[in-house]
Amino acid sequence: MAGAINLSLNQLGARSGTLRAAIVAVTVAAATWLSIGLVLRPRGDKKQPFIPSPRTTILSALREHEDVDLPYPLDALPGGRDVVTPYGSIRVYEWGPEDGERVLLVHGISTPSVALGDLGHEFVRRGYRVMLFDLFGRGYSDAPSDLDYDARLYVTQILLVLASSKLPWTVFHLVGYSLGGGLSVSFTRYFPHLVSSLALVANGGLIRPYHVGWQSRLLYNSGLLPELLVKKLVRRRIRPKKEQPGVAAGGGDIASAETKRHLPNGDGDANGGEGFDSAAISKFRPEITVSSVVRWQVDHHEGFVTAFLSTIRNAPIYAPQEDWRVLDMMLETRRRINHDKEAESIPGLRAGKVFMVLGEDDPVVVKDETIEDATWNLGSDGVEFAVLPGGHELPITRSFDVADAIEGFWRRN
């Protein structure tokens, strides 16, 4: 009996060993197959690090000359080129006298570079060489899909744009509008020797946080909603309606400043000011409005909502911003050196101050608050202001006056 039991146990052990061996063999074979698959997998299967712009997804399907009917045609501005970078392609426009002083213009959060086209033409008419470009995820620039849209990304983009020119852009005037104003301050913080002067038009970076409505907080920063739902809601929220009447609001939010949409509950963050939505994008194309360009981006740029949402969450839009404290120290140092004739000069920001152009009726970048906060951050000697009639659409509809004010600052300093 005992022998039979021992025989059975030996057989069971043998079977168990065989089973273990089989499991090990299968595991090794599976791991080997997976490893071979990873090695042999085509490189094309790797996720593309950027979302292509309408330059790739839309224009390629159009017949010749059909793009002229688009709200933002590829040749809307002179001197266009596409700059291929590791972050995706960037659409750049550069024109004007090659020996003229350089002016780089940086646009806002949702209107692409065409919104500053008239301002660029004004500077060229006065003898300057200008360069504009579409921020990542706007217009005809691709949208990086694996990075935050923060100051680091945008500062890098500006450097890539500058390096793409056949001419040296080693010293230039920097003009930033809305979001572009906050980004210009960030760029100047790290590369002040390149910036001859800094002019900010209805700029972000100092907007007081209390202007952010509860709906914006819920959508952009709460983390309470699934991301796919957030993107769907943001897409619907920022897409301008056709024939939408303008609505004035006191204290708006840059998140909606360029995609004005009035909500019945009075949430101030959803209003960009009367006149913005219906403003003509250019005097050369008066039938095209700001809203039609923004709506075209929402509908046809697959990376636009992603870029918009990440920018709201990560870019230098609301106060306080560390960049302004550093800028204050830079300006103060240059003013001190300017007064000391024997001191060695420091390149960049030669006036030792920043120039700010504000709209009298801008509900987003509120004039009185911005003057108070900029003066507190930079000191009365570190900033100069010009207040012009108009709202947040100021550089789009009053390009001559804005150019006149900025050029006056350059001449005085």
Protein backbone atom coordinates (compact mmCIF):
# COMPACT_ATOMS: atom_id res chain seq x y z
CA MET A 1 0.00 0.00 0.00
CA ALA A 2 2.77 2.38 0.97
CA GLY A 3 4.57 1.56 -2.25
CA ALA A 4 1.49 2.39 -4.30
CA ILE A 5 1.15 5.71 -2.55
CA ASN A 6 4.81 6.56 -3.19
CA LEU A 7 4.36 5.62 -6.84
CA SER A 8 1.34 7.91 -7.13
CA LEU A 9 3.18 10.82 -5.50
CA ASN A 10 6.12 10.32 -7.83
CA GLN A 11 3.80 10.36 -10.82
CA LEU A 12 2.08 13.52 -9.50
CA GLY A 13 5.42 15.21 -9.00
CA ALA A 14 6.48 14.28 -12.48
CA ARG A 15 3.28 15.69 -13.92
CA SER A 16 3.68 18.89 -11.84
CA GLY A 17 7.24 19.27 -13.10
CA THR A 18 6.08 18.79 -16.65
CA LEU A 19 3.37 21.43 -16.16
CA ARG A 20 5.86 23.91 -14.71
CA ALA A 21 8.22 23.27 -17.60
CA ALA A 22 5.41 23.83 -20.07
CA ILE A 23 4.41 27.12 -18.41
CA VAL A 24 8.02 28.32 -18.45
CA ALA A 25 8.37 27.36 -22.10
CA VAL A 26 5.19 29.21 -23.07
CA THR A 27 6.26 32.29 -21.07
CA VAL A 28 9.70 32.32 -22.70
CA ALA A 29 8.17 31.91 -26.14
CA ALA A 30 5.69 34.74 -25.54
CA ALA A 31 8.40 37.07 -24.24
CA THR A 32 10.62 36.21 -27.20
CA TRP A 33 7.78 36.85 -29.67
CA LEU A 34 6.97 40.20 -27.97
CA SER A 35 10.62 41.24 -28.07
CA ILE A 36 10.92 40.34 -31.74
CA GLY A 37 7.72 42.25 -32.43
CA LEU A 38 9.03 45.35 -30.68
CA VAL A 39 12.31 45.19 -32.55
CA LEU A 40 10.74 44.57 -35.94
CA ARG A 41 7.78 46.93 -35.51
CA PRO A 42 7.82 49.58 -38.25
CA ARG A 43 8.92 53.00 -37.08
CA GLY A 44 5.77 54.42 -38.60
CA ASP A 45 3.72 52.86 -35.79
CA LYS A 46 5.23 55.29 -33.28
CA LYS A 47 2.81 58.04 -32.29
CA GLN A 48 3.52 61.30 -34.08
CA PRO A 49 4.65 63.96 -31.56
CA PHE A 50 2.51 66.68 -33.12
CA ILE A 51 -0.93 67.19 -34.65
CA PRO A 52 -0.71 68.49 -38.23
CA SER A 53 -2.18 71.86 -39.11
CA PRO A 54 -4.69 72.60 -41.90
CA ARG A 55 -1.63 73.15 -44.09
CA THR A 56 -1.43 69.35 -44.27
CA THR A 57 -4.98 68.21 -43.56
CA ILE A 58 -7.02 70.75 -45.56
CA LEU A 59 -4.99 72.56 -48.19
CA SER A 60 -3.69 69.38 -49.79
CA ALA A 61 -7.27 68.47 -50.74
CA LEU A 62 -8.07 71.84 -52.31
CA ARG A 63 -7.64 72.61 -55.96
CA GLU A 64 -5.39 75.43 -57.08
CA HIS A 65 -6.56 78.89 -55.95
CA GLU A 66 -9.43 77.47 -53.86
CA ASP A 67 -7.68 78.54 -50.66
CA VAL A 68 -8.29 82.21 -51.46
CA ASP A 69 -11.85 81.76 -50.16
CA LEU A 70 -10.66 80.60 -46.74
CA PRO A 71 -10.94 83.03 -43.81
CA TYR A 72 -7.18 82.64 -43.45
CA PRO A 73 -5.50 81.71 -46.76
CA LEU A 74 -1.92 80.52 -46.71
CA ASP A 75 -0.71 83.62 -48.56
CA ALA A 76 -2.63 86.09 -46.38
CA LEU A 77 0.65 87.88 -45.62
CA PRO A 78 3.83 88.38 -47.68
CA GLY A 79 7.02 86.39 -47.27
CA GLY A 80 5.44 83.16 -46.03
CA ARG A 81 7.48 80.05 -45.28
CA ASP A 82 7.03 76.79 -43.39
CA VAL A 83 9.78 76.01 -40.89
CA VAL A 84 10.20 72.30 -40.11
CA THR A 85 11.22 71.70 -36.47
CA PRO A 86 11.26 68.76 -34.01
CA TYR A 87 8.04 70.22 -32.59
CA GLY A 88 6.24 70.30 -35.93
CA SER A 89 6.05 72.85 -38.72
CA ILE A 90 5.78 76.59 -37.97
CA ARG A 91 4.19 79.08 -40.35
CA VAL A 92 6.29 82.27 -40.56
CA TYR A 93 5.87 85.52 -42.48
CA GLU A 94 8.74 87.97 -42.99
CA TRP A 95 8.86 91.02 -45.21
CA GLY A 96 10.02 94.63 -45.40
CA PRO A 97 13.36 96.33 -46.18
CA GLU A 98 16.25 93.97 -45.45
CA ASP A 99 18.27 96.83 -43.96
CA GLY A 100 15.40 98.07 -41.78
CA GLU A 101 15.23 97.71 -38.01
CA ARG A 102 13.70 94.35 -37.05
CA VAL A 103 10.25 94.00 -35.44
CA LEU A 104 8.93 90.64 -34.20
CA LEU A 105 5.19 90.49 -33.47
CA VAL A 106 3.61 87.77 -31.29
CA HIS A 107 -0.16 87.26 -31.53
CA GLY A 108 -2.81 86.25 -28.97
CA ILE A 109 -4.28 83.05 -27.64
CA SER A 110 -6.64 82.16 -30.48
CA THR A 111 -6.35 84.60 -33.36
CA PRO A 112 -3.36 83.57 -35.54
CA SER A 113 -0.73 85.88 -36.98
CA VAL A 114 -3.07 87.26 -39.63
CA ALA A 115 -4.74 89.27 -36.84
CA LEU A 116 -1.57 91.38 -36.57
CA GLY A 117 -1.07 91.58 -40.33
CA ASP A 118 -2.22 95.19 -40.63
CA LEU A 119 0.09 96.19 -37.78
CA GLY A 120 2.93 94.47 -39.61
CA HIS A 121 2.10 96.36 -42.81
CA GLU A 122 2.12 99.63 -40.86
CA PHE A 123 5.65 99.01 -39.60
CA VAL A 124 6.86 97.98 -43.07
CA ARG A 125 5.36 101.17 -44.51
CA ARG A 126 7.54 103.06 -42.02
CA GLY A 127 10.70 101.27 -43.13
CA TYR A 128 10.92 98.34 -40.67
CA ARG A 129 11.55 94.66 -41.37
CA VAL A 130 8.82 92.59 -39.68
CA MET A 131 8.31 88.95 -38.83
CA LEU A 132 5.12 87.24 -37.63
CA PHE A 133 4.37 83.57 -37.01
CA ASP A 134 1.54 81.30 -35.94
CA LEU A 135 1.94 80.02 -32.41
CA PHE A 136 1.89 76.23 -32.07
CA GLY A 137 -1.62 74.88 -32.59
CA ARG A 138 -2.87 78.02 -34.35
CA GLY A 139 -3.27 78.94 -37.99
CA TYR A 140 -0.88 76.87 -40.11
CA SER A 141 1.49 75.79 -37.34
CA ASP A 142 1.37 72.19 -36.11
CA ALA A 143 0.38 71.40 -32.51
CA PRO A 144 2.83 69.43 -30.31
CA SER A 145 0.84 66.62 -28.71
CA ASP A 146 3.19 65.48 -25.93
CA LEU A 147 4.18 68.77 -24.28
CA ASP A 148 2.63 71.42 -22.05
CA TYR A 149 1.97 74.74 -23.77
CA ASP A 150 3.94 76.74 -21.23
CA ALA A 151 6.49 79.55 -21.41
CA ARG A 152 9.30 77.08 -22.14
CA LEU A 153 7.61 75.77 -25.27
CA TYR A 154 6.71 79.21 -26.59
CA VAL A 155 10.12 80.75 -25.83
CA THR A 156 11.70 77.86 -27.70
CA GLN A 157 9.34 78.48 -30.61
CA ILE A 158 10.39 82.13 -30.80
CA LEU A 159 14.04 81.07 -30.97
CA LEU A 160 13.23 78.61 -33.76
CA VAL A 161 11.43 81.35 -35.69
CA LEU A 162 14.34 83.77 -35.33
CA ALA A 163 16.83 81.12 -36.45
CA SER A 164 14.78 80.39 -39.58
CA SER A 165 15.48 83.78 -41.18
CA LYS A 166 18.14 84.25 -43.82
CA LEU A 167 18.90 87.59 -42.15
CA PRO A 168 20.45 88.05 -38.70
CA TRP A 169 17.88 88.76 -35.98
CA THR A 170 20.42 89.42 -33.25
CA VAL A 171 18.73 92.66 -32.11
CA PHE A 172 15.05 93.46 -32.65
CA HIS A 173 12.00 95.23 -31.27
CA LEU A 174 9.59 92.77 -29.64
CA VAL A 175 5.83 93.51 -29.76
CA GLY A 176 3.43 91.14 -27.99
CA TYR A 177 -0.36 91.24 -28.06
CA SER A 178 -2.64 89.66 -25.43
CA LEU A 179 -1.17 86.20 -24.65
CA GLY A 180 1.76 87.23 -26.85
CA GLY A 181 2.50 90.02 -24.39
CA GLY A 182 2.97 87.58 -21.52
CA LEU A 183 5.09 85.33 -23.73
CA SER A 184 7.21 88.31 -24.80
CA VAL A 185 7.97 89.12 -21.17
CA SER A 186 9.02 85.49 -20.63
CA PHE A 187 11.29 85.60 -23.68
CA THR A 188 12.84 88.90 -22.60
CA ARG A 189 13.58 87.50 -19.16
CA TYR A 190 15.92 84.90 -20.67
CA PHE A 191 17.21 86.71 -23.75
CA PRO A 192 17.25 90.44 -22.90
CA HIS A 193 20.36 91.07 -25.00
CA LEU A 194 18.34 90.30 -28.16
CA VAL A 195 15.47 92.66 -27.35
CA SER A 196 16.11 96.27 -28.29
CA SER A 197 12.74 97.30 -26.88
CA LEU A 198 9.65 95.59 -25.45
CA ALA A 199 6.15 96.84 -26.34
CA LEU A 200 3.06 95.13 -24.95
CA VAL A 201 -0.42 95.64 -26.42
CA ALA A 202 -3.44 94.66 -24.29
CA ASN A 203 -1.09 92.14 -22.75
CA GLY A 204 -1.58 89.10 -20.59
CA GLY A 205 0.57 88.30 -17.58
CA LEU A 206 -0.99 90.78 -15.15
CA ILE A 207 -4.67 89.85 -15.35
CA ARG A 208 -6.06 89.57 -11.85
CA PRO A 209 -7.26 86.04 -11.06
CA TYR A 210 -10.65 87.19 -9.75
CA HIS A 211 -11.68 87.78 -13.37
CA VAL A 212 -11.74 84.02 -13.92
CA GLY A 213 -15.37 82.87 -13.73
CA TRP A 214 -16.45 79.66 -12.03
CA GLN A 215 -17.14 77.98 -15.35
CA SER A 216 -13.56 78.58 -16.51
CA ARG A 217 -12.23 77.25 -13.21
CA LEU A 218 -14.39 74.15 -13.56
CA LEU A 219 -13.37 73.53 -17.15
CA TYR A 220 -9.69 74.41 -17.11
CA ASN A 221 -8.33 73.72 -13.64
CA SER A 222 -10.66 71.72 -11.42
CA GLY A 223 -9.73 68.22 -12.58
CA LEU A 224 -13.28 67.13 -11.76
CA LEU A 225 -14.31 66.42 -15.37
CA PRO A 226 -12.93 63.76 -17.74
CA GLU A 227 -10.49 65.28 -20.22
CA LEU A 228 -12.45 64.17 -23.28
CA LEU A 229 -15.55 65.89 -21.90
CA VAL A 230 -13.53 69.02 -21.08
CA LYS A 231 -12.25 69.23 -24.66
CA LYS A 232 -15.76 68.82 -26.03
CA LEU A 233 -17.14 71.54 -23.78
CA VAL A 234 -14.23 73.89 -24.48
CA ARG A 235 -14.64 73.38 -28.23
CA ARG A 236 -18.30 74.33 -28.01
CA ARG A 237 -17.58 77.22 -25.65
CA ILE A 238 -14.89 78.95 -27.71
CA ARG A 239 -16.42 78.43 -31.14
CA PRO A 240 -18.03 81.77 -32.09
CA LYS A 241 -21.57 81.69 -33.37
CA LYS A 242 -22.40 83.17 -36.72
CA GLU A 243 -23.85 86.68 -36.65
CA GLN A 244 -23.32 86.89 -32.91
CA PRO A 245 -24.04 90.37 -31.50
CA GLY A 246 -21.37 92.05 -29.44
CA VAL A 247 -21.82 92.19 -25.69
CA ALA A 248 -19.85 94.45 -23.39
CA ALA A 249 -18.69 93.09 -20.06
CA GLY A 250 -16.80 94.46 -17.12
CA GLY A 251 -13.78 92.33 -16.32
CA GLY A 252 -13.38 89.47 -18.75
CA ASP A 253 -11.10 86.49 -19.10
CA ILE A 254 -8.40 86.05 -21.71
CA ALA A 255 -9.59 82.48 -22.08
CA SER A 256 -12.51 83.86 -24.06
CA ALA A 257 -11.18 87.26 -25.00
CA GLU A 258 -10.71 86.34 -28.62
CA THR A 259 -13.71 84.04 -28.91
CA LYS A 260 -16.37 86.18 -27.30
CA ARG A 261 -19.48 84.36 -26.21
CA HIS A 262 -22.05 85.79 -23.83
CA LEU A 263 -23.58 83.43 -21.30
CA PRO A 264 -26.92 84.18 -19.63
CA ASN A 265 -25.57 83.60 -16.12
CA GLY A 266 -23.24 86.57 -16.47
CA ASP A 267 -20.03 84.62 -16.04
CA GLY A 268 -17.55 87.37 -16.89
CA ASP A 269 -14.87 85.07 -18.21
CA ALA A 270 -16.92 84.37 -21.33
CA ASN A 271 -16.89 87.91 -22.71
CA GLY A 272 -14.21 89.55 -24.82
CA GLY A 273 -15.69 92.97 -25.20
CA GLU A 274 -18.05 94.61 -27.60
CA GLY A 275 -16.74 94.79 -31.14
CA PHE A 276 -14.10 92.08 -30.99
CA ASP A 277 -16.08 89.26 -32.55
CA SER A 278 -17.31 91.32 -35.49
CA ALA A 279 -14.04 93.19 -36.08
CA ALA A 280 -12.59 92.84 -39.58
CA ILE A 281 -9.41 90.79 -39.45
CA SER A 282 -7.76 93.19 -41.92
CA LYS A 283 -8.53 96.34 -43.85
CA PHE A 284 -7.42 94.40 -46.93
CA ARG A 285 -10.15 91.81 -46.32
CA PRO A 286 -12.96 93.71 -44.58
CA GLU A 287 -15.50 90.96 -45.20
CA ILE A 288 -13.56 88.50 -42.98
CA THR A 289 -14.20 88.85 -39.26
CA VAL A 290 -12.21 87.73 -36.25
CA SER A 291 -14.97 85.25 -35.40
CA SER A 292 -14.81 83.61 -38.83
CA VAL A 293 -11.06 83.00 -38.46
CA VAL A 294 -11.43 81.57 -34.95
CA ARG A 295 -14.37 79.41 -36.05
CA TRP A 296 -12.29 78.11 -38.99
CA GLN A 297 -9.52 77.08 -36.59
CA VAL A 298 -11.92 75.31 -34.23
CA ASP A 299 -13.45 73.40 -37.12
CA HIS A 300 -10.34 72.58 -39.15
CA HIS A 301 -7.23 72.63 -36.95
CA GLU A 302 -7.31 69.31 -35.11
CA GLY A 303 -4.80 70.53 -32.54
CA PHE A 304 -6.35 73.92 -31.82
CA VAL A 305 -8.51 72.97 -28.83
CA THR A 306 -5.64 70.99 -27.29
CA ALA A 307 -3.31 73.97 -27.68
CA PHE A 308 -5.88 76.42 -26.36
CA LEU A 309 -6.69 74.33 -23.29
CA SER A 310 -3.06 73.62 -22.40
CA THR A 311 -2.15 77.29 -22.87
CA ILE A 312 -4.86 78.39 -20.44
CA ARG A 313 -3.53 75.91 -17.90
CA ASN A 314 0.20 76.52 -18.29
CA ALA A 315 1.09 79.78 -20.05
CA PRO A 316 1.91 83.12 -18.31
CA ILE A 317 -1.52 84.76 -18.43
CA TYR A 318 -2.63 85.61 -14.91
CA ALA A 319 -0.86 87.48 -12.12
CA PRO A 320 1.36 87.02 -10.28
CA GLN A 321 4.21 86.06 -12.63
CA GLU A 322 7.84 85.68 -11.57
CA ASP A 323 8.96 86.94 -14.99
CA TRP A 324 7.85 90.48 -14.12
CA ARG A 325 9.98 90.59 -10.96
CA VAL A 326 13.06 89.51 -12.94
CA LEU A 327 12.23 92.01 -15.69
CA ASP A 328 12.04 94.77 -13.08
CA MET A 329 15.60 94.02 -11.92
CA MET A 330 16.88 94.00 -15.51
CA LEU A 331 15.29 97.34 -16.30
CA GLU A 332 16.53 98.92 -13.08
CA THR A 333 20.09 97.79 -13.83
CA ARG A 334 19.97 99.33 -17.30
CA ARG A 335 18.59 102.62 -16.01
CA ARG A 336 21.35 102.82 -13.45
CA ILE A 337 24.02 102.14 -16.08
CA ASN A 338 22.50 104.73 -18.41
CA HIS A 339 23.00 107.35 -15.72
CA ASP A 340 26.56 106.23 -15.02
CA LYS A 341 28.54 107.38 -18.06
CA GLU A 342 31.61 105.40 -17.02
CA ALA A 343 29.80 102.10 -16.54
CA GLU A 344 29.96 99.44 -19.23
CA SER A 345 26.67 99.23 -21.13
CA ILE A 346 24.51 96.12 -21.21
CA PRO A 347 22.93 95.10 -24.54
CA GLY A 348 19.16 95.05 -24.89
CA LEU A 349 16.27 97.03 -23.38
CA ARG A 350 18.16 100.23 -24.01
CA ALA A 351 15.40 102.49 -22.68
CA GLY A 352 15.34 100.74 -19.31
CA LYS A 353 11.54 100.65 -19.51
CA VAL A 354 8.65 98.81 -21.13
CA PHE A 355 5.97 100.40 -23.30
CA MET A 356 2.34 99.32 -22.85
CA VAL A 357 -0.59 100.15 -25.16
CA LEU A 358 -4.00 99.67 -23.55
CA GLY A 359 -7.58 99.97 -24.76
CA GLU A 360 -9.78 102.45 -22.95
CA ASP A 361 -12.71 100.01 -22.94
CA ASP A 362 -10.91 96.66 -22.86
CA PRO A 363 -12.91 94.38 -20.50
CA VAL A 364 -10.20 91.72 -20.46
CA VAL A 365 -7.00 93.65 -19.83
CA VAL A 366 -8.63 96.30 -17.68
CA LYS A 367 -6.85 99.61 -18.14
CA ASP A 368 -6.85 100.93 -14.57
CA GLU A 369 -5.90 97.59 -13.03
CA THR A 370 -3.11 97.00 -15.54
CA ILE A 371 -1.61 100.45 -15.03
CA GLU A 372 -1.67 99.97 -11.26
CA ASP A 373 -0.19 96.46 -11.35
CA ALA A 374 2.46 97.21 -14.00
CA THR A 375 3.60 100.26 -12.05
CA TRP A 376 3.74 98.20 -8.85
CA ASN A 377 5.80 95.48 -10.57
CA LEU A 378 8.16 97.65 -12.64
CA GLY A 379 8.13 101.00 -10.84
CA SER A 380 7.07 104.32 -12.32
CA ASP A 381 10.42 104.62 -14.11
CA GLY A 382 10.16 101.15 -15.61
CA VAL A 383 7.01 101.48 -17.68
CA GLU A 384 5.33 103.97 -19.99
CA PHE A 385 1.68 103.82 -21.04
CA ALA A 386 -0.45 104.84 -24.00
CA VAL A 387 -4.24 104.53 -23.75
CA LEU A 388 -6.20 104.46 -27.01
CA PRO A 389 -9.92 104.29 -27.74
CA GLY A 390 -11.10 100.72 -28.20
CA GLY A 391 -11.39 97.31 -26.61
CA HIS A 392 -9.35 94.11 -26.78
CA GLU A 393 -9.41 94.28 -30.58
CA LEU A 394 -7.18 97.38 -30.44
CA PRO A 395 -4.21 96.26 -32.61
CA ILE A 396 -6.54 94.70 -35.17
CA THR A 397 -8.84 97.66 -35.78
CA ARG A 398 -6.50 100.54 -34.92
CA SER A 399 -3.22 99.33 -36.38
CA PHE A 400 -2.13 102.82 -37.49
CA ASP A 401 -2.62 104.34 -34.03
CA VAL A 402 -0.90 101.42 -32.29
CA ALA A 403 2.07 101.57 -34.66
CA ASP A 404 2.23 105.34 -34.22
CA ALA A 405 2.32 105.05 -30.42
CA ILE A 406 4.98 102.31 -30.44
CA GLU A 407 7.21 104.08 -32.96
CA GLY A 408 6.93 107.25 -30.87
CA PHE A 409 8.27 105.33 -27.89
CA TRP A 410 11.20 104.05 -29.97
CA ARG A 411 12.07 107.55 -31.14
CA ARG A 412 11.91 109.02 -27.63
CA ASN A 413 14.25 106.36 -26.32
